[in-house]
Structure formats: structure tokens, C-alpha cells
Amino acid sequence: MEAASRFIRVSDRFIMTVEGLECHLRYRIKDQERVEFWSTWVPVPLRGRGLAQEMIRRGLDWAGKKGLKVISSCSAVDHFIKHHPEYREILA
């Protein structure tokens, strides 16, 4: 996995900047108890480096620390959780 030059959370997404390019994990707060992760995007030149997995891991960790249950409507998030069962407990 490439080291991110920047990883921040803004109002509706997590942004990871690598080599001047931005990757996104989009989410929306459904209510006080649930967050929906609905889109993951990595620019073509950065794909295959594990960046989507790193963003998803950080997003799920953030949700868990906030006590939020996760709704996934993103195939990348679904795939990640399938292969990382430790995150299944925070699914809504």
C-alpha cells in the first residue's frame, strides 16, 4: 500500500491524496445511529495499490469509533467486509 500524502474527512467523503491524485470513499449519515458507505473511487493510475482497501478500513474504523452502524451500498465495501469479518459486527 502506498503511503498517503493526505487523508481527511470532509462533509460527505473521506479523501486520500496520493501522488497529487484524490481517491474518495463517499458516505452519508442516515440518522444518529447509521452511516451509509455508497461509493469508492480510485483514479486509474493509482489502482491496484490497495488504496481503496485502506480508505475503507479507515472509514469503517471511524464509524466504529463513533458507534455508528454501517450500511453498505458499495460493492468495494461489501467485498472488503466479506474478507475482513472483524468488521461485520458494525453492519446495520
Protein backbone atom coordinates (compact mmCIF):
# COMPACT_ATOMS: atom_id res chain seq x y z
CA MET A 1 0.00 0.00 0.00
CA GLU A 2 1.26 3.45 -0.93
CA ALA A 3 1.71 5.97 1.84
CA ALA A 4 -0.96 8.64 1.55
CA SER A 5 0.28 12.17 1.40
CA ARG A 6 -3.03 13.25 2.95
CA PHE A 7 -6.13 11.55 4.38
CA ILE A 8 -9.03 13.73 5.53
CA ARG A 9 -12.75 13.51 6.20
CA VAL A 10 -14.97 16.22 4.82
CA SER A 11 -18.75 16.58 4.99
CA ASP A 12 -19.67 13.60 2.82
CA ARG A 13 -16.45 11.75 2.00
CA PHE A 14 -13.03 10.61 3.01
CA ILE A 15 -10.31 11.85 0.68
CA MET A 16 -6.90 10.25 0.31
CA THR A 17 -4.39 12.13 -1.82
CA VAL A 18 -1.54 10.14 -3.34
CA GLU A 19 0.88 11.50 -5.93
CA GLY A 20 -1.34 14.55 -6.30
CA LEU A 21 -4.44 12.49 -7.17
CA GLU A 22 -7.53 12.17 -4.99
CA CYS A 23 -9.25 8.92 -4.03
CA HIS A 24 -12.71 9.05 -2.43
CA LEU A 25 -14.87 7.00 -0.08
CA ARG A 26 -18.33 8.60 -0.15
CA TYR A 27 -20.78 8.29 2.72
CA ARG A 28 -23.99 9.77 4.05
CA ILE A 29 -25.20 9.89 7.61
CA LYS A 30 -28.61 8.20 7.63
CA ASP A 31 -29.51 9.06 11.24
CA GLN A 32 -27.83 9.24 14.64
CA GLU A 33 -27.07 5.51 14.58
CA ARG A 34 -26.24 4.67 10.95
CA VAL A 35 -23.91 5.71 8.16
CA GLU A 36 -24.10 4.51 4.56
CA PHE A 37 -20.93 3.98 2.53
CA TRP A 38 -22.08 4.23 -1.07
CA SER A 39 -19.10 4.83 -3.36
CA THR A 40 -15.37 4.19 -3.55
CA TRP A 41 -13.23 5.69 -6.31
CA VAL A 42 -9.53 5.48 -7.07
CA PRO A 43 -8.02 7.16 -10.16
CA VAL A 44 -6.82 4.70 -12.82
CA PRO A 45 -3.08 5.43 -12.36
CA LEU A 46 -3.36 4.53 -8.65
CA ARG A 47 -5.44 1.36 -8.92
CA GLY A 48 -4.03 -1.96 -7.76
CA ARG A 49 -2.11 -0.47 -4.83
CA GLY A 50 -4.59 -1.26 -2.05
CA LEU A 51 -5.70 2.35 -1.64
CA ALA A 52 -9.42 1.58 -1.75
CA GLN A 53 -8.94 -1.04 0.96
CA GLU A 54 -7.04 1.44 3.12
CA MET A 55 -9.76 4.07 2.74
CA ILE A 56 -12.47 1.54 3.52
CA ARG A 57 -10.60 0.30 6.59
CA ARG A 58 -10.18 3.86 7.85
CA GLY A 59 -13.83 4.68 7.13
CA LEU A 60 -15.08 1.60 8.95
CA ASP A 61 -12.76 2.31 11.88
CA TRP A 62 -14.14 5.86 12.04
CA ALA A 63 -17.73 4.55 12.04
CA GLY A 64 -16.93 2.03 14.76
CA LYS A 65 -15.29 4.66 16.96
CA LYS A 66 -18.35 6.90 16.51
CA GLY A 67 -20.63 4.00 17.47
CA LEU A 68 -22.32 4.06 14.05
CA LYS A 69 -23.73 1.01 12.32
CA VAL A 70 -22.73 0.71 8.67
CA ILE A 71 -24.98 0.30 5.68
CA SER A 72 -23.01 -0.68 2.59
CA SER A 73 -24.34 0.06 -0.87
CA CYS A 74 -20.86 -0.08 -2.41
CA SER A 75 -19.50 -3.30 -3.91
CA ALA A 76 -15.94 -2.48 -2.81
CA VAL A 77 -17.07 -2.05 0.81
CA ASP A 78 -19.08 -5.30 0.56
CA HIS A 79 -16.02 -7.12 -0.78
CA PHE A 80 -13.78 -5.70 1.95
CA ILE A 81 -16.15 -6.73 4.74
CA LYS A 82 -16.52 -10.20 3.24
CA HIS A 83 -12.75 -10.67 3.58
CA HIS A 84 -12.43 -8.88 6.95
CA PRO A 85 -15.06 -10.46 9.20
CA GLU A 86 -13.93 -8.38 12.18
CA TYR A 87 -15.99 -5.52 10.68
CA ARG A 88 -19.25 -7.49 10.36
CA GLU A 89 -20.27 -6.54 13.91
CA ILE A 90 -20.74 -2.90 12.88
CA LEU A 91 -23.06 -3.69 9.95
CA ALA A 92 -26.60 -2.35 10.31
